């Protein structure tokens, strides 16, 4: 019987049962895409990452229970954590290659893992009416990135109290909807709604912070930022605006290891 290893990691948290759970499956070579999608659906986590060695570097792909995605921050963080802590990766930096998002670097500073990702390119859009219909609150501003829409709200309380209409969110022309506001104890807070990719609300969304980091860096006039995602599980991130790229950092904790029977 053919088996592959699986690790489940809570990302963007220093404590178990918080942050965003991701599955990581190290492979010797790629499995058929349909089989990887089936594994991700069976895992039923927001993301499952598959990694394959490429010399001293790694190729990486990410799957939700429904689709393969262009980029996933928390599953990349989880993959680096597994390589550093459990698979004996030497050194302090791992380079991942992805067909959809190019080269991604993850470095280790003590317990903190820092992902070097391309920053999103944002443009102002006028979708206040459509987003108000989806979330029940009129945003102060709306922005569009490569994949996601962003709604800027007045304060942290407004973000916390949202109860979106996911049918209407699903009708928006985007991968997901990010709602964000200035934070009370962090520089900014957010939530991420992605019914179109099979996730009504993502616990902590690393890729969304490639959009949020340049947005809030410009608004607050600072490059080093702290962030909190206000899902039920919650998670904490540190973000650095580097212009064309950004650093998105957090901690991670191992929840389980096991084997998947695939034949």
C-alpha atoms as a PDB file:
ATOM      1  CA  UNK A   1       0.000   0.000   0.000  1.00  0.00           C
ATOM      2  CA  UNK A   2       1.407   3.377  -1.020  1.00  0.00           C
ATOM      3  CA  UNK A   3       1.598   5.953   1.765  1.00  0.00           C
ATOM      4  CA  UNK A   4       2.575   9.606   2.023  1.00  0.00           C
ATOM      5  CA  UNK A   5       3.362  11.547   5.178  1.00  0.00           C
ATOM      6  CA  UNK A   6       1.102  14.311   6.408  1.00  0.00           C
ATOM      7  CA  UNK A   7       1.707  17.026   8.991  1.00  0.00           C
ATOM      8  CA  UNK A   8      -1.022  19.295  10.346  1.00  0.00           C
ATOM      9  CA  UNK A   9       0.248  22.644  11.602  1.00  0.00           C
ATOM     10  CA  UNK A  10      -1.441  25.645  13.216  1.00  0.00           C
ATOM     11  CA  UNK A  11       0.078  28.670  11.460  1.00  0.00           C
ATOM     12  CA  UNK A  12       0.303  32.294  12.611  1.00  0.00           C
ATOM     13  CA  UNK A  13       0.086  31.383  16.270  1.00  0.00           C
ATOM     14  CA  UNK A  14       2.372  30.338  19.103  1.00  0.00           C
ATOM     15  CA  UNK A  15      -0.389  28.212  20.665  1.00  0.00           C
ATOM     16  CA  UNK A  16      -2.275  25.133  19.553  1.00  0.00           C
ATOM     17  CA  UNK A  17      -5.921  25.464  18.559  1.00  0.00           C
ATOM     18  CA  UNK A  18      -5.462  29.017  17.295  1.00  0.00           C
ATOM     19  CA  UNK A  19      -4.237  30.408  13.984  1.00  0.00           C
ATOM     20  CA  UNK A  20      -4.952  28.654  10.704  1.00  0.00           C
ATOM     21  CA  UNK A  21      -4.576  24.872  10.371  1.00  0.00           C
ATOM     22  CA  UNK A  22      -2.820  23.641   7.252  1.00  0.00           C
ATOM     23  CA  UNK A  23      -1.858  20.190   6.057  1.00  0.00           C
ATOM     24  CA  UNK A  24       1.610  19.673   4.588  1.00  0.00           C
ATOM     25  CA  UNK A  25       2.361  16.630   2.417  1.00  0.00           C
ATOM     26  CA  UNK A  26       6.032  16.147   1.447  1.00  0.00           C
ATOM     27  CA  UNK A  27       6.362  14.191  -1.805  1.00  0.00           C
ATOM     28  CA  UNK A  28       9.255  12.700  -3.767  1.00  0.00           C
ATOM     29  CA  UNK A  29       7.527  13.636  -7.024  1.00  0.00           C
ATOM     30  CA  UNK A  30       4.248  15.203  -8.028  1.00  0.00           C
ATOM     31  CA  UNK A  31       1.037  13.257  -7.760  1.00  0.00           C
ATOM     32  CA  UNK A  32      -1.722  13.761 -10.352  1.00  0.00           C
ATOM     33  CA  UNK A  33      -3.523  17.051  -9.707  1.00  0.00           C
ATOM     34  CA  UNK A  34      -6.855  15.260  -9.324  1.00  0.00           C
ATOM     35  CA  UNK A  35      -5.425  13.075  -6.550  1.00  0.00           C
ATOM     36  CA  UNK A  36      -3.959  16.073  -4.722  1.00  0.00           C
ATOM     37  CA  UNK A  37      -7.351  17.763  -4.968  1.00  0.00           C
ATOM     38  CA  UNK A  38      -9.003  14.648  -3.532  1.00  0.00           C
ATOM     39  CA  UNK A  39      -6.542  14.619  -0.619  1.00  0.00           C
ATOM     40  CA  UNK A  40      -7.217  18.290   0.085  1.00  0.00           C
ATOM     41  CA  UNK A  41     -10.965  17.672   0.012  1.00  0.00           C
ATOM     42  CA  UNK A  42     -10.592  14.698   2.361  1.00  0.00           C
ATOM     43  CA  UNK A  43      -8.432  16.770   4.739  1.00  0.00           C
ATOM     44  CA  UNK A  44     -11.174  19.418   4.713  1.00  0.00           C
ATOM     45  CA  UNK A  45      -8.810  22.134   5.923  1.00  0.00           C
ATOM     46  CA  UNK A  46      -8.582  25.605   4.420  1.00  0.00           C
ATOM     47  CA  UNK A  47      -5.399  24.558   2.598  1.00  0.00           C
ATOM     48  CA  UNK A  48      -3.250  21.524   1.933  1.00  0.00           C
ATOM     49  CA  UNK A  49       0.279  22.193   0.665  1.00  0.00           C
ATOM     50  CA  UNK A  50       2.283  19.681  -1.361  1.00  0.00           C
ATOM     51  CA  UNK A  51       6.058  20.108  -1.569  1.00  0.00           C
ATOM     52  CA  UNK A  52       8.593  18.362  -3.829  1.00  0.00           C
ATOM     53  CA  UNK A  53      12.390  18.762  -3.551  1.00  0.00           C
ATOM     54  CA  UNK A  54      14.172  20.548  -6.392  1.00  0.00           C
ATOM     55  CA  UNK A  55      17.846  20.262  -5.506  1.00  0.00           C
ATOM     56  CA  UNK A  56      18.305  22.252  -2.294  1.00  0.00           C
ATOM     57  CA  UNK A  57      15.049  24.100  -2.932  1.00  0.00           C
ATOM     58  CA  UNK A  58      11.400  23.043  -3.114  1.00  0.00           C
ATOM     59  CA  UNK A  59       8.452  23.296  -5.453  1.00  0.00           C
ATOM     60  CA  UNK A  60       5.104  23.977  -3.791  1.00  0.00           C
ATOM     61  CA  UNK A  61       1.407  23.813  -4.699  1.00  0.00           C
ATOM     62  CA  UNK A  62      -1.656  24.665  -2.620  1.00  0.00           C
ATOM     63  CA  UNK A  63      -5.191  23.234  -2.669  1.00  0.00           C
ATOM     64  CA  UNK A  64      -8.353  24.218  -0.818  1.00  0.00           C
ATOM     65  CA  UNK A  65     -11.024  21.506  -0.491  1.00  0.00           C
ATOM     66  CA  UNK A  66     -12.438  22.825  -3.779  1.00  0.00           C
ATOM     67  CA  UNK A  67      -9.659  24.254  -6.007  1.00  0.00           C
ATOM     68  CA  UNK A  68      -5.941  24.760  -6.533  1.00  0.00           C
ATOM     69  CA  UNK A  69      -4.968  28.348  -5.636  1.00  0.00           C
ATOM     70  CA  UNK A  70      -2.292  30.756  -6.809  1.00  0.00           C
ATOM     71  CA  UNK A  71      -0.793  31.491  -3.400  1.00  0.00           C
ATOM     72  CA  UNK A  72      -1.344  30.484   0.210  1.00  0.00           C
ATOM     73  CA  UNK A  73       0.589  32.143   2.993  1.00  0.00           C
ATOM     74  CA  UNK A  74      -0.306  30.034   6.001  1.00  0.00           C
ATOM     75  CA  UNK A  75       0.339  26.720   4.217  1.00  0.00           C
ATOM     76  CA  UNK A  76       3.705  28.050   2.994  1.00  0.00           C
ATOM     77  CA  UNK A  77       4.567  29.043   6.559  1.00  0.00           C
ATOM     78  CA  UNK A  78       3.484  25.573   7.730  1.00  0.00           C
ATOM     79  CA  UNK A  79       5.587  23.908   5.022  1.00  0.00           C
ATOM     80  CA  UNK A  80       8.696  25.828   6.072  1.00  0.00           C
ATOM     81  CA  UNK A  81       8.026  24.988   9.719  1.00  0.00           C
ATOM     82  CA  UNK A  82       7.821  21.261   8.917  1.00  0.00           C
ATOM     83  CA  UNK A  83      11.029  21.378   6.873  1.00  0.00           C
ATOM     84  CA  UNK A  84      12.958  23.303   9.536  1.00  0.00           C
ATOM     85  CA  UNK A  85      11.654  21.478  12.606  1.00  0.00           C
ATOM     86  CA  UNK A  86      10.898  17.926  11.475  1.00  0.00           C
ATOM     87  CA  UNK A  87      12.605  17.145   8.156  1.00  0.00           C
ATOM     88  CA  UNK A  88      16.094  18.382   9.017  1.00  0.00           C
ATOM     89  CA  UNK A  89      16.360  21.245   6.551  1.00  0.00           C
ATOM     90  CA  UNK A  90      19.782  22.923   7.061  1.00  0.00           C
ATOM     91  CA  UNK A  91      20.327  26.668   7.157  1.00  0.00           C
ATOM     92  CA  UNK A  92      18.013  29.549   7.962  1.00  0.00           C
ATOM     93  CA  UNK A  93      16.244  30.138   4.635  1.00  0.00           C
ATOM     94  CA  UNK A  94      14.133  27.944   2.362  1.00  0.00           C
ATOM     95  CA  UNK A  95      13.359  28.829  -1.249  1.00  0.00           C
ATOM     96  CA  UNK A  96      10.063  27.599  -2.691  1.00  0.00           C
ATOM     97  CA  UNK A  97       9.131  27.758  -6.362  1.00  0.00           C
ATOM     98  CA  UNK A  98       5.504  27.968  -7.454  1.00  0.00           C
ATOM     99  CA  UNK A  99       4.224  27.952 -11.001  1.00  0.00           C
ATOM    100  CA  UNK A 100       1.555  30.544 -10.156  1.00  0.00           C
ATOM    101  CA  UNK A 101       3.401  32.968  -7.852  1.00  0.00           C
ATOM    102  CA  UNK A 102       7.081  32.557  -8.673  1.00  0.00           C
ATOM    103  CA  UNK A 103       9.851  32.258  -6.109  1.00  0.00           C
ATOM    104  CA  UNK A 104       8.973  32.516  -2.415  1.00  0.00           C
ATOM    105  CA  UNK A 105      11.497  32.662   0.426  1.00  0.00           C
ATOM    106  CA  UNK A 106      10.942  31.773   4.073  1.00  0.00           C
ATOM    107  CA  UNK A 107      13.588  32.596   6.677  1.00  0.00           C
ATOM    108  CA  UNK A 108      13.800  31.654  10.338  1.00  0.00           C
ATOM    109  CA  UNK A 109      14.508  34.033  13.220  1.00  0.00           C
ATOM    110  CA  UNK A 110      14.124  32.029  16.403  1.00  0.00           C
ATOM    111  CA  UNK A 111      10.477  30.966  16.632  1.00  0.00           C
ATOM    112  CA  UNK A 112       9.452  33.507  13.981  1.00  0.00           C
ATOM    113  CA  UNK A 113       9.151  32.525  10.319  1.00  0.00           C
ATOM    114  CA  UNK A 114       9.267  35.324   7.740  1.00  0.00           C
ATOM    115  CA  UNK A 115       7.857  34.854   4.243  1.00  0.00           C
ATOM    116  CA  UNK A 116       9.187  37.036   1.424  1.00  0.00           C
ATOM    117  CA  UNK A 117       6.250  37.426  -0.974  1.00  0.00           C
ATOM    118  CA  UNK A 118       5.481  39.712  -3.938  1.00  0.00           C
ATOM    119  CA  UNK A 119       3.323  42.650  -2.850  1.00  0.00           C
ATOM    120  CA  UNK A 120      -0.085  42.966  -4.422  1.00  0.00           C
ATOM    121  CA  UNK A 121      -0.847  45.841  -6.788  1.00  0.00           C
ATOM    122  CA  UNK A 122      -3.984  47.671  -5.668  1.00  0.00           C
ATOM    123  CA  UNK A 123      -6.329  50.023  -7.468  1.00  0.00           C
ATOM    124  CA  UNK A 124      -9.210  52.038  -6.051  1.00  0.00           C
ATOM    125  CA  UNK A 125     -12.632  50.844  -7.234  1.00  0.00           C
ATOM    126  CA  UNK A 126     -16.200  52.005  -6.652  1.00  0.00           C
ATOM    127  CA  UNK A 127     -17.961  48.911  -5.362  1.00  0.00           C
ATOM    128  CA  UNK A 128     -19.368  50.285  -2.130  1.00  0.00           C
ATOM    129  CA  UNK A 129     -22.958  49.361  -3.043  1.00  0.00           C
ATOM    130  CA  UNK A 130     -22.151  45.761  -3.969  1.00  0.00           C
ATOM    131  CA  UNK A 131     -20.032  45.216  -0.878  1.00  0.00           C
ATOM    132  CA  UNK A 132     -22.613  46.845   1.381  1.00  0.00           C
ATOM    133  CA  UNK A 133     -25.181  44.370   0.053  1.00  0.00           C
ATOM    134  CA  UNK A 134     -22.791  41.511   0.887  1.00  0.00           C
ATOM    135  CA  UNK A 135     -21.708  42.547   4.386  1.00  0.00           C
ATOM    136  CA  UNK A 136     -24.519  44.823   5.561  1.00  0.00           C
ATOM    137  CA  UNK A 137     -22.238  47.796   6.150  1.00  0.00           C
ATOM    138  CA  UNK A 138     -21.041  50.485   3.770  1.00  0.00           C
ATOM    139  CA  UNK A 139     -17.231  50.554   3.488  1.00  0.00           C
ATOM    140  CA  UNK A 140     -15.259  53.788   3.655  1.00  0.00           C
ATOM    141  CA  UNK A 141     -13.171  52.681   0.651  1.00  0.00           C
ATOM    142  CA  UNK A 142     -12.981  49.718  -1.714  1.00  0.00           C
ATOM    143  CA  UNK A 143      -9.869  48.399  -3.444  1.00  0.00           C
ATOM    144  CA  UNK A 144      -9.113  45.618  -5.924  1.00  0.00           C
ATOM    145  CA  UNK A 145      -5.939  43.569  -6.013  1.00  0.00           C
ATOM    146  CA  UNK A 146      -4.917  40.766  -8.348  1.00  0.00           C
ATOM    147  CA  UNK A 147      -7.350  38.337  -6.762  1.00  0.00           C
ATOM    148  CA  UNK A 148      -9.234  39.922  -3.886  1.00  0.00           C
ATOM    149  CA  UNK A 149     -11.470  42.855  -3.063  1.00  0.00           C
ATOM    150  CA  UNK A 150     -10.710  44.965   0.017  1.00  0.00           C
ATOM    151  CA  UNK A 151     -13.297  46.875   2.035  1.00  0.00           C
ATOM    152  CA  UNK A 152     -11.923  49.414   4.514  1.00  0.00           C
ATOM    153  CA  UNK A 153     -14.156  49.887   7.553  1.00  0.00           C
ATOM    154  CA  UNK A 154     -14.105  52.488  10.312  1.00  0.00           C
ATOM    155  CA  UNK A 155     -12.778  50.514  13.263  1.00  0.00           C
ATOM    156  CA  UNK A 156     -11.995  47.101  14.753  1.00  0.00           C
ATOM    157  CA  UNK A 157     -15.456  46.758  16.257  1.00  0.00           C
ATOM    158  CA  UNK A 158     -17.067  47.018  12.817  1.00  0.00           C
ATOM    159  CA  UNK A 159     -14.854  44.205  11.511  1.00  0.00           C
ATOM    160  CA  UNK A 160     -15.576  41.979  14.509  1.00  0.00           C
ATOM    161  CA  UNK A 161     -19.345  42.362  14.306  1.00  0.00           C
ATOM    162  CA  UNK A 162     -19.796  41.600  10.601  1.00  0.00           C
ATOM    163  CA  UNK A 163     -22.119  38.769   9.628  1.00  0.00           C
ATOM    164  CA  UNK A 164     -21.800  38.519   5.828  1.00  0.00           C
ATOM    165  CA  UNK A 165     -24.317  37.174   3.356  1.00  0.00           C
ATOM    166  CA  UNK A 166     -22.086  34.524   1.793  1.00  0.00           C
ATOM    167  CA  UNK A 167     -24.354  34.085  -1.220  1.00  0.00           C
ATOM    168  CA  UNK A 168     -23.778  37.747  -2.082  1.00  0.00           C
ATOM    169  CA  UNK A 169     -20.058  37.542  -1.266  1.00  0.00           C
ATOM    170  CA  UNK A 170     -19.842  34.630  -3.693  1.00  0.00           C
ATOM    171  CA  UNK A 171     -21.331  36.842  -6.430  1.00  0.00           C
ATOM    172  CA  UNK A 172     -18.520  39.416  -6.144  1.00  0.00           C
ATOM    173  CA  UNK A 173     -15.891  39.283  -8.885  1.00  0.00           C
ATOM    174  CA  UNK A 174     -12.963  38.173  -6.710  1.00  0.00           C
ATOM    175  CA  UNK A 175     -11.270  35.195  -5.109  1.00  0.00           C
ATOM    176  CA  UNK A 176     -12.219  36.558  -1.704  1.00  0.00           C
ATOM    177  CA  UNK A 177     -13.350  39.638   0.180  1.00  0.00           C
ATOM    178  CA  UNK A 178     -11.007  41.182   2.758  1.00  0.00           C
ATOM    179  CA  UNK A 179     -12.531  43.517   5.327  1.00  0.00           C
ATOM    180  CA  UNK A 180     -10.060  45.616   7.301  1.00  0.00           C
ATOM    181  CA  UNK A 181      -9.786  48.530   9.718  1.00  0.00           C
ATOM    182  CA  UNK A 182      -7.330  50.175  12.107  1.00  0.00           C
ATOM    183  CA  UNK A 183      -6.722  47.927  15.115  1.00  0.00           C
ATOM    184  CA  UNK A 184      -7.023  48.603  18.821  1.00  0.00           C
ATOM    185  CA  UNK A 185      -3.951  46.601  19.886  1.00  0.00           C
ATOM    186  CA  UNK A 186      -2.436  46.019  16.424  1.00  0.00           C
ATOM    187  CA  UNK A 187      -1.789  48.428  13.557  1.00  0.00           C
ATOM    188  CA  UNK A 188      -4.620  46.876  11.562  1.00  0.00           C
ATOM    189  CA  UNK A 189      -7.121  44.040  11.736  1.00  0.00           C
ATOM    190  CA  UNK A 190      -8.914  42.030   9.072  1.00  0.00           C
ATOM    191  CA  UNK A 191     -11.210  39.149   8.187  1.00  0.00           C
ATOM    192  CA  UNK A 192     -11.251  37.140   4.960  1.00  0.00           C
ATOM    193  CA  UNK A 193     -14.337  35.663   3.299  1.00  0.00           C
ATOM    194  CA  UNK A 194     -13.820  33.239   0.389  1.00  0.00           C
ATOM    195  CA  UNK A 195     -16.920  31.167  -0.410  1.00  0.00           C
ATOM    196  CA  UNK A 196     -15.893  31.077  -4.073  1.00  0.00           C
ATOM    197  CA  UNK A 197     -12.858  28.932  -3.135  1.00  0.00           C
ATOM    198  CA  UNK A 198     -14.774  26.820  -0.635  1.00  0.00           C
ATOM    199  CA  UNK A 199     -13.934  28.783   2.552  1.00  0.00           C
ATOM    200  CA  UNK A 200     -16.666  30.977   3.987  1.00  0.00           C
ATOM    201  CA  UNK A 201     -14.236  32.521   6.482  1.00  0.00           C
ATOM    202  CA  UNK A 202     -10.530  31.760   6.563  1.00  0.00           C
ATOM    203  CA  UNK A 203      -9.013  31.753  10.079  1.00  0.00           C
ATOM    204  CA  UNK A 204      -5.779  33.569   9.100  1.00  0.00           C
ATOM    205  CA  UNK A 205      -4.877  34.488   5.521  1.00  0.00           C
ATOM    206  CA  UNK A 206      -1.207  35.112   4.775  1.00  0.00           C
ATOM    207  CA  UNK A 207      -1.800  35.897   1.102  1.00  0.00           C
ATOM    208  CA  UNK A 208      -4.331  38.620   2.001  1.00  0.00           C
ATOM    209  CA  UNK A 209      -1.532  40.446   3.801  1.00  0.00           C
ATOM    210  CA  UNK A 210       0.328  40.901   0.513  1.00  0.00           C
ATOM    211  CA  UNK A 211      -2.525  43.337  -0.187  1.00  0.00           C
ATOM    212  CA  UNK A 212      -3.022  44.664   3.337  1.00  0.00           C
ATOM    213  CA  UNK A 213       0.667  45.393   3.983  1.00  0.00           C
ATOM    214  CA  UNK A 214       1.125  47.996   1.193  1.00  0.00           C
ATOM    215  CA  UNK A 215      -2.342  49.430   1.881  1.00  0.00           C
ATOM    216  CA  UNK A 216      -1.760  50.039   5.582  1.00  0.00           C
ATOM    217  CA  UNK A 217       1.895  50.976   5.167  1.00  0.00           C
ATOM    218  CA  UNK A 218       0.810  53.857   2.930  1.00  0.00           C
ATOM    219  CA  UNK A 219      -2.096  54.854   5.187  1.00  0.00           C
ATOM    220  CA  UNK A 220      -0.107  54.757   8.429  1.00  0.00           C
ATOM    221  CA  UNK A 221       3.202  56.007   7.050  1.00  0.00           C
ATOM    222  CA  UNK A 222       5.264  53.137   8.465  1.00  0.00           C
ATOM    223  CA  UNK A 223       6.943  50.062   7.011  1.00  0.00           C
ATOM    224  CA  UNK A 224       6.863  47.752  10.051  1.00  0.00           C
ATOM    225  CA  UNK A 225       3.312  46.710  10.967  1.00  0.00           C
ATOM    226  CA  UNK A 226       1.528  44.397  13.365  1.00  0.00           C
ATOM    227  CA  UNK A 227      -1.682  42.692  12.301  1.00  0.00           C
ATOM    228  CA  UNK A 228      -4.421  40.595  13.812  1.00  0.00           C
ATOM    229  CA  UNK A 229      -6.992  38.511  11.919  1.00  0.00           C
ATOM    230  CA  UNK A 230     -10.267  38.468  13.819  1.00  0.00           C
ATOM    231  CA  UNK A 231     -11.677  35.059  12.955  1.00  0.00           C
ATOM    232  CA  UNK A 232     -13.021  32.784  15.676  1.00  0.00           C
ATOM    233  CA  UNK A 233      -9.598  31.125  15.992  1.00  0.00           C
ATOM    234  CA  UNK A 234      -7.654  34.353  15.509  1.00  0.00           C
ATOM    235  CA  UNK A 235      -4.050  34.840  14.505  1.00  0.00           C
ATOM    236  CA  UNK A 236      -1.192  37.332  14.721  1.00  0.00           C
ATOM    237  CA  UNK A 237       1.190  38.489  12.002  1.00  0.00           C
ATOM    238  CA  UNK A 238       4.062  40.906  11.604  1.00  0.00           C
ATOM    239  CA  UNK A 239       4.369  42.602   8.222  1.00  0.00           C
ATOM    240  CA  UNK A 240       7.085  44.667   6.539  1.00  0.00           C
ATOM    241  CA  UNK A 241       6.542  46.721   3.395  1.00  0.00           C
ATOM    242  CA  UNK A 242       9.532  46.410   1.042  1.00  0.00           C
ATOM    243  CA  UNK A 243       7.924  48.045  -1.993  1.00  0.00           C
ATOM    244  CA  UNK A 244       7.592  45.396  -4.696  1.00  0.00           C
ATOM    245  CA  UNK A 245       7.785  42.695  -2.034  1.00  0.00           C
ATOM    246  CA  UNK A 246       6.735  42.311   1.579  1.00  0.00           C
ATOM    247  CA  UNK A 247       7.656  40.194   4.579  1.00  0.00           C
ATOM    248  CA  UNK A 248       4.839  38.388   6.355  1.00  0.00           C
ATOM    249  CA  UNK A 249       5.802  36.645   9.567  1.00  0.00           C
ATOM    250  CA  UNK A 250       4.344  34.457  12.267  1.00  0.00           C
ATOM    251  CA  UNK A 251       4.872  31.436  14.455  1.00  0.00           C
ATOM    252  CA  UNK A 252       3.580  27.893  14.028  1.00  0.00           C
ATOM    253  CA  UNK A 253       2.803  24.801  16.113  1.00  0.00           C
ATOM    254  CA  UNK A 254       2.601  21.145  15.107  1.00  0.00           C
ATOM    255  CA  UNK A 255      -0.765  19.497  15.824  1.00  0.00           C
ATOM    256  CA  UNK A 256      -0.391  16.020  14.313  1.00  0.00           C
ATOM    257  CA  UNK A 257       1.621  13.739  12.054  1.00  0.00           C
ATOM    258  CA  UNK A 258       0.380  10.706  10.177  1.00  0.00           C
ATOM    259  CA  UNK A 259       0.227   8.782   6.912  1.00  0.00           C
ATOM    260  CA  UNK A 260      -2.218   8.870   4.034  1.00  0.00           C
ATOM    261  CA  UNK A 261      -3.021   5.637   2.198  1.00  0.00           C
ATOM    262  CA  UNK A 262      -3.386   6.468  -1.483  1.00  0.00           C
ATOM    263  CA  UNK A 263      -3.302   3.015  -3.071  1.00  0.00           C
END
